[in-house]
Protein backbone atom coordinates (compact mmCIF):
# COMPACT_ATOMS: atom_id res chain seq x y z
CA MET A 1 0.00 0.00 0.00
CA ALA A 2 1.16 3.55 -0.69
CA ASP A 3 2.42 5.74 2.11
CA PRO A 4 -0.18 6.99 4.61
CA ILE A 5 -1.39 10.58 4.41
CA GLU A 6 -1.67 12.66 7.57
CA VAL A 7 -4.91 14.65 7.68
CA LEU A 8 -5.54 17.18 10.43
CA VAL A 9 -8.94 18.72 11.17
CA THR A 10 -8.97 21.78 13.45
CA MET A 11 -12.72 22.36 13.31
CA PRO A 12 -15.02 20.71 15.90
CA PHE A 13 -16.15 17.87 13.66
CA THR A 14 -17.94 15.03 15.45
CA ASP A 15 -16.57 11.53 15.74
CA ALA A 16 -19.13 10.40 13.17
CA GLN A 17 -17.98 13.07 10.72
CA LEU A 18 -14.34 12.13 11.24
CA ALA A 19 -15.27 8.48 10.67
CA ARG A 20 -16.74 9.40 7.29
CA LEU A 21 -13.44 11.01 6.34
CA ARG A 22 -11.46 7.96 7.48
CA ALA A 23 -13.75 5.74 5.44
CA VAL A 24 -12.53 7.38 2.22
CA SER A 25 -9.32 5.33 2.25
CA PRO A 26 -7.18 3.28 4.61
CA ARG A 27 -4.28 5.49 3.54
CA LEU A 28 -5.73 8.41 5.49
CA THR A 29 -4.73 9.02 9.08
CA VAL A 30 -7.31 11.55 10.25
CA ARG A 31 -6.95 13.31 13.57
CA ARG A 32 -8.62 16.29 15.18
CA ALA A 33 -6.97 18.98 17.30
CA ASP A 34 -7.50 22.52 18.50
CA ALA A 35 -5.97 25.03 16.06
CA ALA A 36 -4.10 26.91 18.80
CA THR A 37 -2.35 23.84 20.24
CA ALA A 38 -2.18 21.49 17.24
CA ASP A 39 1.04 19.83 16.15
CA TYR A 40 1.27 20.51 12.41
CA SER A 41 4.68 18.95 11.87
CA ALA A 42 3.40 15.83 10.12
CA THR A 43 0.29 17.33 8.54
CA GLN A 44 -0.03 16.94 4.78
CA VAL A 45 -3.70 17.82 4.38
CA LEU A 46 -5.31 20.40 6.67
CA TYR A 47 -8.98 21.25 7.18
CA ALA A 48 -9.13 24.52 9.09
CA GLY A 49 -11.04 27.66 9.83
CA ALA A 50 -7.84 29.49 10.77
CA PRO A 51 -4.70 27.99 9.15
CA PRO A 52 -1.44 28.57 11.03
CA ARG A 53 0.40 31.74 10.06
CA ALA A 54 3.79 30.23 10.93
CA LEU A 55 4.13 27.93 7.94
CA GLU A 56 7.43 26.54 9.24
CA LYS A 57 5.29 24.67 11.77
CA ALA A 58 3.73 22.72 8.87
CA PRO A 59 6.69 21.80 6.64
CA ARG A 60 4.87 18.92 4.91
CA LEU A 61 1.68 20.82 4.13
CA ALA A 62 0.47 19.95 0.62
CA TRP A 63 -3.16 21.13 0.56
CA VAL A 64 -5.49 23.16 2.78
CA GLN A 65 -9.28 23.00 2.78
CA VAL A 66 -10.71 26.05 4.53
CA HIS A 67 -14.03 26.13 6.37
CA MET A 68 -15.33 29.12 4.39
CA ALA A 69 -16.56 30.00 0.93
CA GLY A 70 -14.65 33.26 0.40
CA VAL A 71 -10.92 33.78 0.89
CA ASN A 72 -10.74 37.58 0.93
CA GLY A 73 -9.96 37.33 4.66
CA LEU A 74 -6.83 35.34 3.79
CA TYR A 75 -5.31 37.76 1.28
CA ASP A 76 -2.62 38.86 3.75
CA HIS A 77 -2.16 35.39 5.28
CA PRO A 78 1.25 33.80 4.62
CA LEU A 79 -0.48 30.65 3.38
CA TYR A 80 -2.24 32.63 0.67
CA ALA A 81 0.26 35.38 -0.05
CA HIS A 82 3.61 33.63 0.34
CA SER A 83 3.07 29.99 -0.53
CA ALA A 84 1.90 27.90 -3.43
CA VAL A 85 0.03 25.39 -1.25
CA PRO A 86 -3.33 24.67 -2.93
CA ILE A 87 -6.35 26.06 -1.08
CA THR A 88 -9.91 24.85 -1.55
CA THR A 89 -13.06 26.34 -0.10
CA THR A 90 -16.56 25.27 0.96
CA SER A 91 -18.21 27.28 -1.80
CA GLY A 92 -21.53 25.71 -2.73
CA VAL A 93 -22.26 24.19 0.67
CA HIS A 94 -24.61 26.97 1.71
CA ALA A 95 -25.57 28.18 -1.77
CA ALA A 96 -29.13 26.87 -1.46
CA THR A 97 -29.89 28.54 1.86
CA ILE A 98 -28.41 31.86 0.71
CA ALA A 99 -30.45 31.70 -2.49
CA GLU A 100 -33.53 30.98 -0.36
CA TYR A 101 -32.70 34.04 1.77
CA ALA A 102 -32.55 36.21 -1.34
CA ILE A 103 -35.91 34.91 -2.54
CA THR A 104 -37.36 35.35 0.96
CA ALA A 105 -36.14 38.94 1.07
CA LEU A 106 -37.52 39.65 -2.39
CA LEU A 107 -40.95 38.24 -1.53
CA ALA A 108 -41.01 40.08 1.81
CA LEU A 109 -40.22 43.39 0.14
CA ALA A 110 -42.52 42.82 -2.83
CA HIS A 111 -45.46 41.82 -0.62
CA ARG A 112 -44.85 44.59 1.93
CA VAL A 113 -44.21 42.23 4.84
CA PRO A 114 -42.21 44.84 6.82
CA ARG A 115 -45.18 47.19 6.49
CA MET A 116 -47.50 44.45 7.75
CA VAL A 117 -45.28 44.05 10.80
CA GLU A 118 -45.31 47.81 11.26
CA TRP A 119 -49.10 47.95 11.25
CA ARG A 120 -49.37 44.98 13.58
CA GLY A 121 -47.20 46.95 16.00
CA LYS A 122 -49.64 49.86 15.76
CA GLY A 123 -52.43 47.55 16.85
CA GLY A 124 -54.71 48.88 14.18
CA TRP A 125 -55.91 48.59 10.62
CA PRO A 126 -55.32 51.17 7.88
CA PRO A 127 -58.35 52.96 6.43
CA ASP A 128 -59.80 51.28 3.35
CA LEU A 129 -58.58 54.02 1.03
CA GLU A 130 -55.02 53.49 2.27
CA ARG A 131 -54.86 49.71 2.06
CA TRP A 132 -54.22 49.61 -1.69
CA PRO A 133 -51.38 52.15 -1.84
CA LEU A 134 -49.84 50.71 1.33
CA PHE A 135 -50.01 47.04 0.44
CA VAL A 136 -50.35 46.54 -3.29
CA PRO A 137 -47.37 44.28 -4.10
CA SER A 138 -44.74 44.38 -6.78
CA GLU A 139 -45.23 41.49 -9.16
CA VAL A 140 -42.45 38.93 -8.91
CA ARG A 141 -43.67 36.46 -11.48
CA GLY A 142 -42.20 37.35 -14.85
CA ALA A 143 -40.01 40.12 -13.43
CA THR A 144 -36.37 40.55 -14.42
CA LEU A 145 -33.71 39.32 -12.00
CA GLY A 146 -30.19 40.64 -12.38
CA ILE A 147 -27.58 38.46 -10.68
CA ILE A 148 -24.12 39.94 -10.15
CA GLY A 149 -21.78 36.98 -9.61
CA TYR A 150 -22.95 33.78 -11.25
CA GLY A 151 -21.29 31.30 -8.92
CA SER A 152 -22.93 28.64 -6.77
CA ILE A 153 -25.32 31.10 -5.07
CA GLY A 154 -26.27 32.88 -8.28
CA ARG A 155 -26.89 29.62 -10.09
CA GLU A 156 -29.21 28.26 -7.41
CA LEU A 157 -30.99 31.61 -7.25
CA ALA A 158 -31.50 31.50 -11.02
CA ARG A 159 -32.91 27.97 -10.80
CA ILE A 160 -35.47 28.99 -8.19
CA ALA A 161 -36.36 32.22 -9.96
CA LYS A 162 -36.80 30.55 -13.32
CA THR A 163 -38.63 27.41 -12.26
CA ALA A 164 -40.82 28.86 -9.51
CA PHE A 165 -41.48 32.40 -10.73
CA ALA A 166 -40.79 32.36 -14.50
CA MET A 167 -38.44 35.28 -14.05
CA ARG A 168 -36.17 36.63 -16.75
CA VAL A 169 -32.60 36.09 -15.58
CA LEU A 170 -29.60 38.26 -16.42
CA ALA A 171 -26.32 36.68 -15.30
CA LEU A 172 -23.22 38.84 -14.92
CA LYS A 173 -19.86 37.20 -14.34
CA ARG A 174 -16.19 37.91 -14.85
CA ASP A 175 -16.04 35.71 -17.97
CA PRO A 176 -19.52 35.16 -19.43
CA SER A 177 -18.15 32.77 -22.03
CA VAL A 178 -17.67 30.19 -19.26
CA ARG A 179 -21.16 28.75 -18.90
CA LYS A 180 -20.58 25.47 -17.07
CA ASP A 181 -20.10 25.22 -13.31
CA THR A 182 -17.12 23.16 -12.18
CA GLY A 183 -17.50 23.89 -8.46
CA TYR A 184 -19.29 21.98 -5.72
CA ALA A 185 -23.08 21.91 -5.74
CA LEU A 186 -25.56 20.02 -3.62
CA PRO A 187 -27.46 17.38 -5.61
CA GLY A 188 -30.40 18.83 -7.50
CA THR A 189 -29.33 22.45 -7.01
CA GLY A 190 -27.72 25.11 -9.12
CA ASP A 191 -27.25 25.46 -12.85
CA PRO A 192 -24.39 23.14 -13.79
CA ASP A 193 -24.76 23.65 -17.54
CA GLY A 194 -25.68 27.33 -17.53
CA ALA A 195 -29.18 26.69 -18.83
CA PHE A 196 -31.18 29.33 -16.96
CA PRO A 197 -29.90 32.81 -17.88
CA ASP A 198 -31.72 34.65 -20.65
CA ALA A 199 -28.63 36.81 -21.11
CA TRP A 200 -24.97 36.51 -20.13
CA LEU A 201 -23.17 39.74 -19.35
CA GLY A 202 -19.59 40.73 -18.60
CA PRO A 203 -18.41 43.37 -16.09
CA ALA A 204 -18.57 46.14 -18.68
CA GLU A 205 -22.29 45.45 -19.11
CA LEU A 206 -23.19 46.14 -15.48
CA PRO A 207 -25.05 49.38 -16.44
CA ALA A 208 -27.27 47.38 -18.81
CA LEU A 209 -28.14 44.88 -16.08
CA LEU A 210 -28.94 47.64 -13.59
CA ALA A 211 -31.18 49.46 -16.07
CA GLN A 212 -33.22 46.35 -16.92
CA ALA A 213 -33.53 44.51 -13.62
CA ASP A 214 -36.54 44.66 -11.32
CA VAL A 215 -34.39 43.14 -8.59
CA VAL A 216 -30.59 43.15 -8.41
CA VAL A 217 -28.88 40.51 -6.27
CA LEU A 218 -25.20 40.93 -5.52
CA ALA A 219 -23.64 37.51 -4.95
CA ALA A 220 -20.07 38.13 -6.09
CA PRO A 221 -16.94 37.38 -4.06
CA LEU A 222 -14.92 40.30 -2.71
CA THR A 223 -11.89 40.90 -4.89
CA PRO A 224 -10.01 44.04 -5.90
CA GLN A 225 -12.30 44.17 -8.96
CA THR A 226 -15.56 43.95 -6.96
CA LYS A 227 -14.62 46.25 -4.07
CA GLY A 228 -16.86 49.31 -4.31
CA LEU A 229 -18.64 47.83 -7.32
CA ILE A 230 -22.01 49.38 -6.43
CA GLY A 231 -21.98 53.10 -5.67
CA ALA A 232 -24.14 56.15 -6.22
CA ARG A 233 -23.79 56.02 -10.01
CA GLU A 234 -24.81 52.36 -10.18
CA LEU A 235 -27.76 52.85 -7.83
CA ALA A 236 -28.91 55.81 -9.93
CA ALA A 237 -28.90 53.53 -12.98
CA MET A 238 -31.46 51.20 -11.37
CA LYS A 239 -35.20 51.50 -11.87
CA ALA A 240 -36.97 53.50 -9.17
CA SER A 241 -39.22 50.44 -8.74
CA ALA A 242 -36.32 47.99 -8.31
CA TYR A 243 -35.01 46.21 -5.23
CA PHE A 244 -31.36 45.64 -4.27
CA ILE A 245 -30.29 42.59 -2.27
CA ASN A 246 -26.72 42.01 -1.07
CA VAL A 247 -25.64 38.51 -0.05
CA GLY A 248 -22.10 38.92 -1.39
CA ARG A 249 -19.77 41.14 0.61
CA GLY A 250 -20.39 44.49 2.26
CA ALA A 251 -17.28 46.14 0.87
CA SER A 252 -18.62 45.68 -2.66
CA VAL A 253 -21.18 48.40 -1.90
CA ASP A 254 -20.91 52.06 -0.95
CA GLU A 255 -23.19 51.71 2.05
CA GLY A 256 -23.62 55.46 2.49
CA ALA A 257 -24.75 55.78 -1.13
CA LEU A 258 -27.19 52.90 -0.65
CA ALA A 259 -28.64 54.52 2.46
CA ARG A 260 -29.09 57.80 0.59
CA ALA A 261 -30.74 56.07 -2.36
CA LEU A 262 -33.20 54.41 0.01
CA ALA A 263 -33.90 57.57 2.00
CA ASP A 264 -34.49 59.55 -1.21
CA GLY A 265 -36.71 56.86 -2.77
CA ARG A 266 -34.37 56.40 -5.73
CA ILE A 267 -34.87 52.62 -5.44
CA ALA A 268 -37.89 50.78 -4.07
CA GLY A 269 -36.17 48.87 -1.29
CA ALA A 270 -33.24 46.76 -0.19
CA ALA A 271 -32.21 43.75 1.86
CA VAL A 272 -28.66 43.73 3.23
CA ASP A 273 -27.09 40.74 4.98
CA VAL A 274 -23.41 41.71 4.73
CA PHE A 275 -21.56 44.85 5.79
CA THR A 276 -18.11 46.33 5.32
CA GLU A 277 -17.61 46.33 9.09
CA GLU A 278 -19.29 43.53 11.04
CA PRO A 279 -21.01 44.25 13.25
CA PRO A 280 -21.65 47.74 11.88
CA SER A 281 -20.74 50.52 14.29
CA ALA A 282 -23.39 52.60 16.03
CA GLY A 283 -24.64 55.31 13.71
CA HIS A 284 -24.10 53.28 10.54
CA PRO A 285 -26.07 54.97 7.74
CA LEU A 286 -28.11 51.86 6.98
CA TYR A 287 -29.35 51.78 10.58
CA ALA A 288 -30.96 55.16 9.98
CA VAL A 289 -33.05 53.78 7.11
CA GLY A 290 -33.43 50.31 8.59
CA GLY A 291 -36.69 51.25 10.25
CA GLN A 292 -38.33 51.99 6.92
CA ALA A 293 -40.94 49.58 5.63
CA ASN A 294 -38.87 48.90 2.51
CA VAL A 295 -35.55 47.97 4.15
CA LEU A 296 -34.45 44.65 5.65
CA LEU A 297 -31.16 44.37 7.54
CA SER A 298 -29.87 41.04 8.87
CA PRO A 299 -26.68 40.19 10.83
CA HIS A 300 -24.84 38.13 8.18
CA VAL A 301 -27.04 35.07 8.65
CA SER A 302 -28.10 34.16 5.10
CA GLY A 303 -25.58 31.30 5.03
CA PHE A 304 -26.53 29.81 8.40
CA LEU A 305 -27.26 26.13 7.96
CA PRO A 306 -27.80 23.57 10.75
CA SER A 307 -26.23 20.87 8.58
CA TYR A 308 -23.26 23.00 7.52
CA ASP A 309 -20.57 20.80 9.08
CA ASP A 310 -22.20 17.67 7.71
CA LYS A 311 -22.24 19.08 4.19
CA CYS A 312 -18.66 20.32 4.59
CA THR A 313 -17.69 16.79 5.61
CA ASP A 314 -19.23 15.44 2.40
CA LEU A 315 -17.35 18.01 0.32
CA PHE A 316 -14.05 17.34 2.08
CA ALA A 317 -14.51 13.58 1.66
CA GLU A 318 -15.07 14.03 -2.06
CA ASN A 319 -11.99 16.22 -2.34
CA LEU A 320 -9.95 13.63 -0.41
CA ARG A 321 -11.01 11.01 -2.96
CA ARG A 322 -9.97 13.32 -5.75
CA TRP A 323 -6.66 14.08 -4.02
CA LEU A 324 -5.88 10.38 -3.74
CA ASP A 325 -6.86 9.76 -7.38
CA GLY A 326 -4.92 12.75 -8.71
CA ALA A 327 -8.16 14.32 -9.99
CA PRO A 328 -8.90 18.08 -9.98
CA LEU A 329 -10.05 19.35 -6.60
CA LEU A 330 -13.42 21.04 -6.21
CA ASN A 331 -13.39 24.76 -5.34
CA LEU A 332 -9.67 25.24 -5.92
CA VAL A 333 -8.76 28.88 -5.31
CA ASP A 334 -7.15 30.77 -8.18
CA ARG A 335 -4.86 33.30 -6.50
CA THR A 336 -4.72 35.42 -9.65
CA LEU A 337 -8.51 35.91 -9.45
CA GLY A 338 -8.82 36.09 -5.67
CA TYR A 339 -11.38 33.30 -5.32
């Protein structure tokens, strides 16, 4: 038999989850340890939330699977910046629940749910002549959905939007000529062949997407190219009747400009789950508009998933099989792209 491979897990995986990793191959020696006290000297494959910064402590390290979908927080980490060790992510694991959040937010805004909650709090009922202007919804079925970032989240969002609501889908990605998805996706989810978009757009066509969309969902990773992607000019290009939903990264949006657009009624509403600074400081401009009946703010919870570790275990097990077989790893980070 070939030489054993030392696998270290520094996340609190259960014994049952570790057993599923060991079952991949008898070549794997899988152990679990706390990241702060772990001995990395023999580790060849590491599963971690916080990889060690002192790489000399892990001289045999050959591949790292991180417990996160985005790697922008690792840009200044020695592992990312000063090594060629392959890094893979958990992208795709929580794509379905984030897509569901975006749809939930859209339906809540379109059907005036925040306003319903507001009136419940008043303990009253609006006069008949006010009920229509207060509660007439925006029509979701057949509306145009603009998705910025057509990765695992965007693809699952497109599937739901197309199959459940017959929406027109505009997909914007860095390279729109790449239609197929080679990343990890839960069975039955996503758009592996790129079948759902009605139009594929590149970064230069962002103004066209903003002008056409009835709802814009930002689901792109944070990279130097997407930092500050949505500002006052982009928000002004949107329809006054359109909604903006951010499940990507806060730093991709000028939050002050978004708050002003909402306060001035330049867009119809917004749902924001991610912020540049988390938690946002007291006095954040979006707090000031957060009490409006067309604004939803949530504390970066769209990706919460009770089965997250279980699904991460499945992904890591599949990547271990691929590693042993010499096959391409799922969710391999391209350092030149930043994701």
